[in-house]
Every structure is written in C-alpha cells, then in structure tokens.
Amino acid sequence: MSFAVWLTGLPASGKSAIARELVHLLHARGVALSVLESDVLRTQLTPFPRYDDADRDFFYGSLGKIGIDLVQEGRAVIFDATANRRAYRDAARKRITHFAEVYVDTPLEVCRARDPKGLYRQGMKIPYEPPLAPELVLHGAQGTPQEHAAAVVSLLEQRGWISAAR
C-alpha cells in the first residue's frame, strides 16, 4: 500500500535523523519508498533559492506534487521538510488518501543549540505554523531517533498501511 508521512517541525528539530531511521525500518520490511528531503531537493528545484514567499510557494508546491505522483505510482513517501506553512502540508494531505503528518515538536532552545546549518545564528525569522491535528507528535528533545522512527512505524501498523512485524 502506498502512503505518505510528512515529518514537520522547526529546523534542527530532528526530522532528518528520524527520517533516516524510518527509511531503515521500512526498507527492512520490504516497503518500496522514496524520501523527499527538502535540503537535497532544494538544490535541484531552486538552485539559487531566494527563500521569499514566492520561492517557498514554488518549492513546497513542487515537493508536494512529486510526492503525490510517487504515491499514485504505488510508493511510500517520506517528506523530510519543515514546510513552515500548514497550507503546504495540507495541500498534500488533500490529494493523498493515506497521509500522516508527524510533528517533531522540539523546543526552540534545543533547535538553536543543534543548529547544524547555522540558520538560527544567521537570524532566521520565518514563522512556523505547527500542525493543528497531527497524526503523531514526537518530542524531539526526548528519546532517540530510533525510538521516534519506531513510533511512526507503529502508527503505520495501526492504520493498516504496513503489516505488523512478525
């Protein structure tokens, strides 16, 4: 069965670490999947990003369309992307029947301390709209990426989107 999981949260919340672990767990179960990581795809879709509203609208609209196409082709999709506006994530939700939004809720202070890209040190001030009703909330300052990925797998099993482990 195809489905999409959108990992969202502030930059440096732990989304990518969770996505990497989730890929391993799903691959071990034989799930055909694709990962749409915003940092990687941004270099392809907007090689000279401006990071203004028009640029973000284009990028997240394109990311959503790619994910929708992949799900329609029968692949599971993991979106590893902040998508600062709810509307970006909601647009994909409306078009993907089996869609789970996973909010990696990490305190801003923890994200600032991690800051691998230096976004916070550069004075990043882009407002982030957390999900109103995510299917799962993970607390990025607690637990490990492995534990968080296992919680996502458990959600997928509960929904019947993947078979329970044997």
Protein backbone atom coordinates (compact mmCIF):
# COMPACT_ATOMS: atom_id res chain seq x y z
CA MET A 1 0.00 0.00 0.00
CA SER A 2 1.25 3.48 -0.77
CA PHE A 3 1.13 6.24 1.81
CA ALA A 4 2.91 9.43 2.78
CA VAL A 5 4.43 10.51 6.07
CA TRP A 6 5.29 14.20 6.36
CA LEU A 7 7.84 14.86 9.09
CA THR A 8 7.50 18.52 10.01
CA GLY A 9 8.91 20.72 12.74
CA LEU A 10 11.31 23.56 13.25
CA PRO A 11 14.69 23.43 11.53
CA ALA A 12 17.05 21.25 13.64
CA SER A 13 14.12 19.59 15.41
CA GLY A 14 15.36 16.11 14.47
CA LYS A 15 13.30 15.40 11.34
CA SER A 16 16.20 14.18 9.21
CA ALA A 17 17.59 11.87 11.89
CA ILE A 18 14.14 10.33 12.33
CA ALA A 19 13.69 10.06 8.55
CA ARG A 20 16.99 8.17 8.21
CA GLU A 21 15.94 5.65 10.86
CA LEU A 22 12.45 5.34 9.38
CA VAL A 23 13.94 4.55 5.97
CA HIS A 24 15.94 1.68 7.50
CA LEU A 25 12.93 0.26 9.34
CA LEU A 26 10.64 0.41 6.31
CA HIS A 27 13.28 -0.93 3.93
CA ALA A 28 13.82 -3.91 6.27
CA ARG A 29 10.12 -4.67 5.85
CA GLY A 30 10.35 -4.55 2.08
CA VAL A 31 8.45 -1.26 1.68
CA ALA A 32 9.18 0.47 -1.65
CA LEU A 33 9.76 4.06 -0.61
CA SER A 34 11.08 7.41 -1.65
CA VAL A 35 12.42 10.16 0.59
CA LEU A 36 11.79 13.77 -0.34
CA GLU A 37 14.32 15.69 1.72
CA SER A 38 13.94 19.42 1.31
CA ASP A 39 17.65 20.19 1.72
CA VAL A 40 18.51 17.86 -1.16
CA LEU A 41 15.62 18.73 -3.47
CA ARG A 42 16.02 22.46 -2.95
CA THR A 43 19.41 22.23 -4.71
CA GLN A 44 17.63 20.73 -7.72
CA LEU A 45 14.35 22.65 -7.82
CA THR A 46 15.65 26.05 -6.75
CA PRO A 47 19.44 26.02 -7.22
CA PHE A 48 19.57 29.73 -6.41
CA PRO A 49 16.95 29.99 -3.66
CA ARG A 50 15.70 33.36 -2.51
CA TYR A 51 13.75 31.95 0.45
CA ASP A 52 10.99 34.52 -0.07
CA ASP A 53 7.28 33.66 -0.13
CA ALA A 54 7.13 33.09 -3.89
CA ASP A 55 10.18 30.83 -3.77
CA ARG A 56 8.75 28.81 -0.87
CA ASP A 57 5.36 28.53 -2.57
CA PHE A 58 7.04 27.16 -5.70
CA PHE A 59 9.32 24.80 -3.82
CA TYR A 60 6.76 23.28 -1.45
CA GLY A 61 4.15 23.11 -4.21
CA SER A 62 6.60 21.18 -6.36
CA LEU A 63 7.64 18.95 -3.47
CA GLY A 64 4.00 18.10 -2.79
CA LYS A 65 3.34 17.31 -6.46
CA ILE A 66 6.33 14.99 -6.62
CA GLY A 67 5.13 13.18 -3.51
CA ILE A 68 1.58 12.88 -4.85
CA ASP A 69 2.89 11.39 -8.10
CA LEU A 70 5.07 8.88 -6.25
CA VAL A 71 2.19 7.76 -4.03
CA GLN A 72 -0.02 7.37 -7.10
CA GLU A 73 2.70 5.14 -8.58
CA GLY A 74 2.46 2.89 -5.51
CA ARG A 75 5.44 4.08 -3.49
CA ALA A 76 5.52 5.09 0.14
CA VAL A 77 6.83 8.63 0.56
CA ILE A 78 8.61 10.23 3.47
CA PHE A 79 8.60 14.02 3.32
CA ASP A 80 11.52 15.34 5.38
CA ALA A 81 10.65 19.01 5.15
CA THR A 82 9.83 21.82 7.55
CA ALA A 83 7.15 23.31 5.27
CA ASN A 84 6.70 26.32 7.52
CA ARG A 85 3.11 26.93 6.41
CA ARG A 86 0.32 24.50 7.21
CA ALA A 87 -1.12 25.12 3.74
CA TYR A 88 1.86 23.36 2.11
CA ARG A 89 1.29 20.19 4.11
CA ASP A 90 -2.49 20.41 3.87
CA ALA A 91 -2.31 20.59 0.07
CA ALA A 92 -0.55 17.21 0.00
CA ARG A 93 -2.97 15.79 2.60
CA LYS A 94 -5.94 16.66 0.40
CA ARG A 95 -4.51 14.68 -2.52
CA ILE A 96 -3.01 11.68 -0.72
CA THR A 97 -5.53 9.23 0.74
CA HIS A 98 -3.14 7.61 3.21
CA PHE A 99 -1.38 10.64 4.70
CA ALA A 100 0.12 11.07 8.16
CA GLU A 101 1.53 14.33 9.43
CA VAL A 102 4.14 13.74 12.12
CA TYR A 103 5.05 16.79 14.15
CA VAL A 104 8.55 16.74 15.62
CA ASP A 105 7.90 19.12 18.50
CA THR A 106 11.25 20.34 19.75
CA PRO A 107 11.76 23.45 21.90
CA LEU A 108 13.27 26.39 20.06
CA GLU A 109 16.19 26.49 22.53
CA VAL A 110 17.11 22.90 21.64
CA CYS A 111 16.88 23.64 17.90
CA ARG A 112 19.09 26.71 18.34
CA ALA A 113 21.66 24.66 20.24
CA ARG A 114 21.74 22.00 17.50
CA ASP A 115 21.63 24.42 14.52
CA PRO A 116 23.79 22.37 12.09
CA LYS A 117 23.17 24.80 9.20
CA GLY A 118 23.66 27.99 11.22
CA LEU A 119 20.13 29.19 10.41
CA TYR A 120 19.44 30.49 13.89
CA ARG A 121 22.85 32.16 14.14
CA GLN A 122 22.05 33.93 10.86
CA GLY A 123 18.90 35.37 12.46
CA MET A 124 16.28 33.16 10.80
CA LYS A 125 12.87 34.71 11.46
CA ILE A 126 10.49 32.66 9.32
CA PRO A 127 7.27 31.90 11.18
CA TYR A 128 6.43 28.22 11.55
CA GLU A 129 2.82 27.03 11.73
CA PRO A 130 2.65 23.78 13.70
CA PRO A 131 0.04 21.23 12.65
CA LEU A 132 -3.38 21.62 14.23
CA ALA A 133 -4.17 17.90 14.35
CA PRO A 134 -1.11 15.80 13.52
CA GLU A 135 -1.50 12.05 13.46
CA LEU A 136 1.55 11.77 15.73
CA VAL A 137 3.58 14.14 17.89
CA LEU A 138 7.19 13.25 18.65
CA HIS A 139 9.14 15.21 21.25
CA GLY A 140 12.49 15.82 19.60
CA ALA A 141 14.30 16.72 22.82
CA GLN A 142 13.36 13.36 24.38
CA GLY A 143 14.11 9.85 23.19
CA THR A 144 16.23 8.78 20.25
CA PRO A 145 15.66 8.96 16.51
CA GLN A 146 15.35 5.16 16.56
CA GLU A 147 12.57 5.32 19.16
CA HIS A 148 10.78 8.05 17.23
CA ALA A 149 11.02 6.10 13.96
CA ALA A 150 9.63 3.04 15.75
CA ALA A 151 6.67 5.15 16.90
CA VAL A 152 5.99 6.15 13.28
CA VAL A 153 6.15 2.50 12.22
CA SER A 154 3.69 1.65 14.99
CA LEU A 155 1.31 4.32 13.67
CA LEU A 156 1.60 2.88 10.16
CA GLU A 157 0.82 -0.60 11.51
CA GLN A 158 -2.17 0.67 13.47
CA ARG A 159 -3.53 2.30 10.35
CA GLY A 160 -3.05 -0.93 8.39
CA TRP A 161 -0.72 0.76 5.92
CA ILE A 162 2.06 -1.74 6.64
CA SER A 163 1.90 -5.24 8.07
CA ALA A 164 2.74 -5.78 11.71
CA ALA A 165 6.22 -7.15 12.34
CA ARG A 166 6.47 -10.90 12.70
